[in-house]
Amino acid sequence: MYKTISIEGMHCQHCSAAVTKALAALPGVSGVSVSLEQGQAVLDAGSNSDAALREAIEDIGFDVTAIK
């Protein structure tokens, strides 16, 4: 299932790369695309719950404001 995650706190390409890496490390996740300009990530979350996606991002220091 494709998800769009709104993220606050990304300021540079290193930030977006860290979010990409954290999400891609979750089992079953594919097609991760993080936009620094839009402050969001779009991905196929597989069977991961919204809570798991949120935790992966917040564990590396960013804030999730919405998951759709």
N, C-alpha and C. Protein backbone atom coordinates (compact mmCIF):
# COMPACT_ATOMS: atom_id res chain seq x y z
N MET A 1 0.84 -1.18 0.00
CA MET A 1 0.00 0.00 0.00
C MET A 1 0.89 1.25 0.00
N TYR A 2 0.61 2.15 -0.93
CA TYR A 2 1.40 3.39 -1.00
C TYR A 2 0.97 4.37 0.08
N LYS A 3 1.96 5.00 0.68
CA LYS A 3 1.73 5.98 1.76
C LYS A 3 2.49 7.26 1.44
N THR A 4 1.93 8.37 1.88
CA THR A 4 2.61 9.66 1.82
C THR A 4 2.77 10.12 3.26
N ILE A 5 4.02 10.37 3.65
CA ILE A 5 4.33 10.76 5.02
C ILE A 5 4.84 12.20 5.01
N SER A 6 4.17 13.07 5.77
CA SER A 6 4.62 14.46 5.91
C SER A 6 5.62 14.52 7.06
N ILE A 7 6.78 15.14 6.79
CA ILE A 7 7.89 15.12 7.74
C ILE A 7 8.39 16.55 7.97
N GLU A 8 8.60 16.91 9.23
CA GLU A 8 9.19 18.19 9.58
C GLU A 8 10.59 17.97 10.10
N GLY A 9 11.47 18.94 9.84
CA GLY A 9 12.81 18.90 10.39
C GLY A 9 13.90 18.56 9.39
N MET A 10 13.53 18.24 8.15
CA MET A 10 14.56 17.97 7.15
C MET A 10 15.05 19.30 6.58
N HIS A 11 16.37 19.48 6.60
CA HIS A 11 16.94 20.76 6.17
C HIS A 11 17.92 20.64 5.01
N CYS A 12 18.37 19.42 4.71
CA CYS A 12 19.38 19.27 3.66
C CYS A 12 19.27 17.89 3.03
N GLN A 13 20.10 17.65 2.03
CA GLN A 13 20.09 16.36 1.34
C GLN A 13 20.50 15.21 2.26
N HIS A 14 21.35 15.50 3.25
CA HIS A 14 21.73 14.46 4.21
C HIS A 14 20.51 14.01 5.02
N CYS A 15 19.65 14.97 5.36
CA CYS A 15 18.43 14.66 6.10
C CYS A 15 17.52 13.74 5.27
N SER A 16 17.30 14.10 4.03
CA SER A 16 16.42 13.29 3.19
C SER A 16 17.03 11.91 2.93
N ALA A 17 18.35 11.84 2.83
CA ALA A 17 19.01 10.55 2.65
C ALA A 17 18.85 9.68 3.89
N ALA A 18 18.92 10.29 5.07
CA ALA A 18 18.75 9.54 6.32
C ALA A 18 17.33 8.98 6.42
N VAL A 19 16.34 9.77 6.02
CA VAL A 19 14.95 9.30 6.04
C VAL A 19 14.77 8.16 5.04
N THR A 20 15.33 8.32 3.86
CA THR A 20 15.26 7.26 2.84
C THR A 20 15.85 5.96 3.37
N LYS A 21 17.01 6.05 3.98
CA LYS A 21 17.70 4.87 4.52
C LYS A 21 16.87 4.21 5.63
N ALA A 22 16.32 5.02 6.54
CA ALA A 22 15.54 4.48 7.66
C ALA A 22 14.29 3.75 7.16
N LEU A 23 13.60 4.34 6.19
CA LEU A 23 12.38 3.71 5.67
C LEU A 23 12.71 2.47 4.86
N ALA A 24 13.75 2.54 4.03
CA ALA A 24 14.12 1.41 3.18
C ALA A 24 14.58 0.21 4.01
N ALA A 25 15.02 0.45 5.24
CA ALA A 25 15.49 -0.64 6.10
C ALA A 25 14.34 -1.48 6.67
N LEU A 26 13.12 -0.96 6.60
CA LEU A 26 11.97 -1.71 7.11
C LEU A 26 11.64 -2.85 6.14
N PRO A 27 11.31 -4.03 6.68
CA PRO A 27 11.01 -5.16 5.79
C PRO A 27 9.77 -4.89 4.94
N GLY A 28 9.89 -5.20 3.65
CA GLY A 28 8.75 -5.06 2.74
C GLY A 28 8.57 -3.68 2.13
N VAL A 29 9.36 -2.70 2.57
CA VAL A 29 9.24 -1.35 2.03
C VAL A 29 9.97 -1.28 0.69
N SER A 30 9.36 -0.59 -0.28
CA SER A 30 10.02 -0.40 -1.57
C SER A 30 9.60 0.94 -2.16
N GLY A 31 10.33 1.37 -3.16
CA GLY A 31 9.98 2.58 -3.89
C GLY A 31 9.99 3.84 -3.06
N VAL A 32 10.95 3.97 -2.14
CA VAL A 32 11.00 5.14 -1.27
C VAL A 32 11.49 6.36 -2.06
N SER A 33 10.70 7.44 -2.00
CA SER A 33 11.07 8.70 -2.63
C SER A 33 10.84 9.81 -1.61
N VAL A 34 11.92 10.49 -1.21
CA VAL A 34 11.83 11.55 -0.21
C VAL A 34 12.08 12.89 -0.89
N SER A 35 11.16 13.83 -0.69
CA SER A 35 11.30 15.17 -1.26
C SER A 35 11.60 16.16 -0.14
N LEU A 36 12.80 16.72 -0.17
CA LEU A 36 13.18 17.73 0.81
C LEU A 36 12.32 18.97 0.65
N GLU A 37 12.07 19.37 -0.60
CA GLU A 37 11.31 20.59 -0.88
C GLU A 37 9.86 20.48 -0.40
N GLN A 38 9.25 19.31 -0.58
CA GLN A 38 7.86 19.11 -0.18
C GLN A 38 7.73 18.63 1.26
N GLY A 39 8.84 18.22 1.86
CA GLY A 39 8.81 17.73 3.23
C GLY A 39 8.00 16.46 3.38
N GLN A 40 8.19 15.55 2.43
CA GLN A 40 7.41 14.31 2.50
C GLN A 40 8.15 13.14 1.88
N ALA A 41 7.68 11.97 2.25
CA ALA A 41 8.17 10.72 1.68
C ALA A 41 6.98 9.97 1.09
N VAL A 42 7.19 9.37 -0.06
CA VAL A 42 6.18 8.53 -0.70
C VAL A 42 6.83 7.16 -0.87
N LEU A 43 6.10 6.11 -0.48
CA LEU A 43 6.67 4.78 -0.53
C LEU A 43 5.58 3.72 -0.55
N ASP A 44 5.98 2.52 -0.98
CA ASP A 44 5.13 1.35 -0.84
C ASP A 44 5.51 0.76 0.51
N ALA A 45 4.60 0.88 1.48
CA ALA A 45 4.89 0.49 2.86
C ALA A 45 4.79 -1.00 3.11
N GLY A 46 4.38 -1.76 2.11
CA GLY A 46 4.22 -3.19 2.32
C GLY A 46 3.21 -3.43 3.42
N SER A 47 3.53 -4.29 4.37
CA SER A 47 2.61 -4.60 5.47
C SER A 47 2.93 -3.80 6.74
N ASN A 48 3.81 -2.81 6.63
CA ASN A 48 4.18 -2.01 7.80
C ASN A 48 3.03 -1.11 8.24
N SER A 49 2.86 -1.01 9.54
CA SER A 49 1.82 -0.14 10.09
C SER A 49 2.28 1.31 10.06
N ASP A 50 1.32 2.23 10.17
CA ASP A 50 1.67 3.64 10.26
C ASP A 50 2.58 3.89 11.46
N ALA A 51 2.33 3.18 12.55
CA ALA A 51 3.15 3.35 13.76
C ALA A 51 4.61 2.96 13.50
N ALA A 52 4.83 1.90 12.73
CA ALA A 52 6.19 1.46 12.42
C ALA A 52 6.90 2.48 11.54
N LEU A 53 6.18 3.05 10.58
CA LEU A 53 6.76 4.07 9.71
C LEU A 53 7.11 5.31 10.53
N ARG A 54 6.19 5.73 11.39
CA ARG A 54 6.41 6.90 12.25
C ARG A 54 7.64 6.68 13.14
N GLU A 55 7.72 5.50 13.74
CA GLU A 55 8.83 5.20 14.65
C GLU A 55 10.17 5.24 13.93
N ALA A 56 10.23 4.69 12.72
CA ALA A 56 11.48 4.68 11.96
C ALA A 56 11.98 6.10 11.71
N ILE A 57 11.08 7.02 11.43
CA ILE A 57 11.46 8.41 11.13
C ILE A 57 11.76 9.17 12.41
N GLU A 58 10.92 9.01 13.42
CA GLU A 58 11.12 9.76 14.66
C GLU A 58 12.35 9.28 15.42
N ASP A 59 12.73 8.01 15.25
CA ASP A 59 13.93 7.48 15.90
C ASP A 59 15.21 8.15 15.39
N ILE A 60 15.17 8.73 14.20
CA ILE A 60 16.37 9.41 13.69
C ILE A 60 16.26 10.93 13.82
N GLY A 61 15.25 11.39 14.56
CA GLY A 61 15.20 12.80 14.94
C GLY A 61 14.29 13.72 14.17
N PHE A 62 13.40 13.17 13.33
CA PHE A 62 12.49 14.01 12.57
C PHE A 62 11.06 13.82 13.09
N ASP A 63 10.20 14.77 12.80
CA ASP A 63 8.81 14.72 13.26
C ASP A 63 7.88 14.36 12.10
N VAL A 64 7.01 13.40 12.35
CA VAL A 64 5.99 13.01 11.38
C VAL A 64 4.72 13.78 11.73
N THR A 65 4.20 14.54 10.76
CA THR A 65 3.00 15.33 11.03
C THR A 65 1.75 14.68 10.45
N ALA A 66 1.91 13.78 9.48
CA ALA A 66 0.74 13.10 8.90
C ALA A 66 1.21 11.90 8.09
N ILE A 67 0.34 10.89 8.06
CA ILE A 67 0.56 9.72 7.19
C ILE A 67 -0.76 9.46 6.49
N LYS A 68 -0.71 9.49 5.16
CA LYS A 68 -1.92 9.26 4.36
C LYS A 68 -1.72 8.11 3.42
